[in-house]
Amino acid sequence: MTIYEALSLLAQFSSILLATLALTVSIIVSQQKKK
């Protein structure tokens, strides 16, 4: 595996992780507002 491939894979993984985190935070916030 080249460095470029590794970086590309890492970028994909981190973007998925960030999207999941953002989704989780938005769900928590909406739950808090309902109370």
C-alpha atoms as a PDB file:
ATOM      1  CA  MET A   1       0.000   0.000   0.000  1.00  0.00           C
ATOM      2  CA  THR A   2       1.350   3.416  -0.924  1.00  0.00           C
ATOM      3  CA  ILE A   3       1.296   6.426   1.386  1.00  0.00           C
ATOM      4  CA  TYR A   4      -1.295   8.051  -0.890  1.00  0.00           C
ATOM      5  CA  GLU A   5      -3.621   5.040  -0.599  1.00  0.00           C
ATOM      6  CA  ALA A   6      -3.224   5.015   3.174  1.00  0.00           C
ATOM      7  CA  LEU A   7      -4.012   8.730   3.421  1.00  0.00           C
ATOM      8  CA  SER A   8      -7.023   8.322   1.149  1.00  0.00           C
ATOM      9  CA  LEU A   9      -8.344   5.493   3.310  1.00  0.00           C
ATOM     10  CA  LEU A  10      -7.752   7.549   6.464  1.00  0.00           C
ATOM     11  CA  ALA A  11      -9.583  10.535   4.951  1.00  0.00           C
ATOM     12  CA  GLN A  12     -12.600   8.366   4.071  1.00  0.00           C
ATOM     13  CA  PHE A  13     -12.650   6.839   7.558  1.00  0.00           C
ATOM     14  CA  SER A  14     -12.361  10.189   9.334  1.00  0.00           C
ATOM     15  CA  SER A  15     -15.133  11.726   7.208  1.00  0.00           C
ATOM     16  CA  ILE A  16     -17.440   8.802   8.057  1.00  0.00           C
ATOM     17  CA  LEU A  17     -16.482   9.182  11.722  1.00  0.00           C
ATOM     18  CA  LEU A  18     -17.204  12.936  11.635  1.00  0.00           C
ATOM     19  CA  ALA A  19     -20.566  12.377   9.946  1.00  0.00           C
ATOM     20  CA  THR A  20     -21.525   9.800  12.577  1.00  0.00           C
ATOM     21  CA  LEU A  21     -20.432  12.141  15.359  1.00  0.00           C
ATOM     22  CA  ALA A  22     -22.408  15.062  13.907  1.00  0.00           C
ATOM     23  CA  LEU A  23     -25.504  12.866  13.571  1.00  0.00           C
ATOM     24  CA  THR A  24     -25.163  11.642  17.164  1.00  0.00           C
ATOM     25  CA  VAL A  25     -24.771  15.195  18.474  1.00  0.00           C
ATOM     26  CA  SER A  26     -27.813  16.437  16.534  1.00  0.00           C
ATOM     27  CA  ILE A  27     -29.919  13.555  17.906  1.00  0.00           C
ATOM     28  CA  ILE A  28     -28.786  14.309  21.476  1.00  0.00           C
ATOM     29  CA  VAL A  29     -29.550  18.014  21.033  1.00  0.00           C
ATOM     30  CA  SER A  30     -33.041  17.302  19.681  1.00  0.00           C
ATOM     31  CA  GLN A  31     -33.691  14.944  22.611  1.00  0.00           C
ATOM     32  CA  GLN A  32     -32.612  17.661  25.049  1.00  0.00           C
ATOM     33  CA  LYS A  33     -34.928  20.232  23.440  1.00  0.00           C
ATOM     34  CA  LYS A  34     -37.959  17.937  23.814  1.00  0.00           C
ATOM     35  CA  LYS A  35     -37.639  17.837  27.614  1.00  0.00           C
END
